[in-house]
Amino acid sequence: MTRGYSIITQYKQLIDRNKILENTIISNTDYIIFHEGNIPPEHQTYILKQTPGLDLQFINVEADFKQINTDIDPRTRDIIWNNSIVNYINLLQVNHMAKDLHIQKD
């Protein structure tokens, strides 16, 4: 999971990580980058060009990161119902999606 940036050079940390992966490449494997719909196609192309040896797949999971509306006891809502809980639940959903997408190429 990575975030999108407004300035294309802000992907340096992601690209550095990708270069490490490129040097330890596992053949016949897709490398999946989940994002919240905020990595525009031109940024994706830029990232891909930095590590041409990786078969990077960009997966938009924006629809899976919607606010969860659920009834919760009002005495605890303000204490525990914050972005960290919502983000944790969303991360679990992305993890489940990643397992569904895990397909080794032939």
Protein backbone atom coordinates (compact mmCIF):
# COMPACT_ATOMS: atom_id res chain seq x y z
CA MET A 1 0.00 0.00 0.00
CA THR A 2 1.39 3.34 -0.96
CA ARG A 3 0.19 6.88 -1.12
CA GLY A 4 -0.02 9.17 -4.09
CA TYR A 5 1.83 12.47 -4.21
CA SER A 6 1.27 15.70 -6.08
CA ILE A 7 4.95 15.99 -7.05
CA ILE A 8 6.28 13.06 -9.07
CA THR A 9 9.73 13.07 -7.42
CA GLN A 10 8.14 12.35 -4.03
CA TYR A 11 8.00 8.64 -4.95
CA LYS A 12 11.73 8.30 -4.21
CA GLN A 13 11.27 6.03 -1.19
CA LEU A 14 8.90 3.74 -3.12
CA ILE A 15 11.27 3.65 -6.10
CA ASP A 16 14.27 2.91 -3.85
CA ARG A 17 12.33 0.00 -2.36
CA ASN A 18 11.36 -1.19 -5.82
CA LYS A 19 15.02 -1.12 -6.92
CA ILE A 20 15.89 -3.42 -4.02
CA LEU A 21 13.11 -5.75 -5.12
CA GLU A 22 14.36 -5.54 -8.70
CA ASN A 23 17.80 -6.73 -7.57
CA THR A 24 16.28 -9.70 -5.75
CA ILE A 25 13.61 -10.44 -8.30
CA ILE A 26 11.56 -13.60 -8.04
CA SER A 27 10.76 -14.75 -11.55
CA ASN A 28 7.18 -15.15 -12.73
CA THR A 29 5.84 -12.88 -9.99
CA ASP A 30 3.68 -9.78 -10.13
CA TYR A 31 4.55 -6.98 -7.77
CA ILE A 32 1.34 -5.31 -6.65
CA ILE A 33 1.08 -1.71 -5.49
CA PHE A 34 -2.21 -0.89 -3.80
CA HIS A 35 -3.20 2.77 -3.75
CA GLU A 36 -6.24 4.84 -2.89
CA GLY A 37 -6.86 6.08 -6.43
CA ASN A 38 -4.47 8.97 -6.04
CA ILE A 39 -1.57 7.80 -8.21
CA PRO A 40 -2.37 9.17 -11.65
CA PRO A 41 -1.37 7.21 -14.78
CA GLU A 42 1.57 9.52 -15.55
CA HIS A 43 2.99 8.91 -12.06
CA GLN A 44 2.50 5.16 -12.50
CA THR A 45 4.42 5.34 -15.79
CA TYR A 46 7.22 7.27 -14.08
CA ILE A 47 7.46 4.66 -11.31
CA LEU A 48 7.41 1.80 -13.84
CA LYS A 49 10.24 3.38 -15.86
CA GLN A 50 12.45 3.55 -12.76
CA THR A 51 12.35 -0.24 -12.31
CA PRO A 52 11.65 -1.79 -15.71
CA GLY A 53 12.68 -5.24 -14.47
CA LEU A 54 9.67 -5.48 -12.16
CA ASP A 55 6.23 -6.44 -13.36
CA LEU A 56 4.45 -3.81 -11.26
CA GLN A 57 0.67 -3.84 -11.10
CA PHE A 58 -1.13 -0.81 -9.69
CA ILE A 59 -4.40 -1.72 -7.96
CA ASN A 60 -6.81 1.06 -7.03
CA VAL A 61 -8.52 0.19 -3.73
CA GLU A 62 -10.21 3.56 -3.26
CA ALA A 63 -13.66 1.98 -3.13
CA ASP A 64 -12.55 -0.27 -0.26
CA PHE A 65 -11.46 2.68 1.89
CA LYS A 66 -14.85 4.20 2.53
CA GLN A 67 -15.88 5.28 5.99
CA ILE A 68 -17.49 2.40 7.82
CA ASN A 69 -20.79 3.31 9.43
CA THR A 70 -21.69 1.10 12.31
CA ASP A 71 -23.57 1.53 15.54
CA ILE A 72 -21.21 1.60 18.47
CA ASP A 73 -21.84 2.34 22.10
CA PRO A 74 -21.63 6.16 22.40
CA ARG A 75 -19.66 5.82 25.65
CA THR A 76 -16.78 4.24 23.73
CA ARG A 77 -17.21 5.72 20.25
CA ASP A 78 -15.13 8.84 20.95
CA ILE A 79 -12.39 6.78 22.54
CA ILE A 80 -11.86 4.01 20.01
CA TRP A 81 -13.68 4.98 16.83
CA ASN A 82 -11.06 7.04 15.08
CA ASN A 83 -9.05 6.83 11.90
CA SER A 84 -6.62 4.28 13.29
CA ILE A 85 -9.43 1.76 13.84
CA VAL A 86 -10.95 2.47 10.42
CA ASN A 87 -7.53 2.24 8.75
CA TYR A 88 -6.82 -1.06 10.50
CA ILE A 89 -10.11 -2.51 9.27
CA ASN A 90 -9.37 -1.26 5.76
CA LEU A 91 -5.88 -2.79 5.88
CA LEU A 92 -7.43 -6.13 6.77
CA GLN A 93 -9.71 -5.81 3.75
CA VAL A 94 -6.75 -5.02 1.47
CA ASN A 95 -4.86 -7.99 2.91
CA HIS A 96 -7.82 -10.21 2.06
CA MET A 97 -7.90 -8.78 -1.48
CA ALA A 98 -4.16 -9.41 -1.87
CA LYS A 99 -4.65 -13.07 -1.01
CA ASP A 100 -7.35 -13.28 -3.67
CA LEU A 101 -5.01 -11.66 -6.22
CA HIS A 102 -1.98 -13.82 -5.43
CA ILE A 103 -1.50 -15.68 -8.68
CA GLN A 104 1.90 -16.94 -9.72
CA LYS A 105 2.59 -16.63 -13.43
CA ASP A 106 3.51 -19.65 -15.51
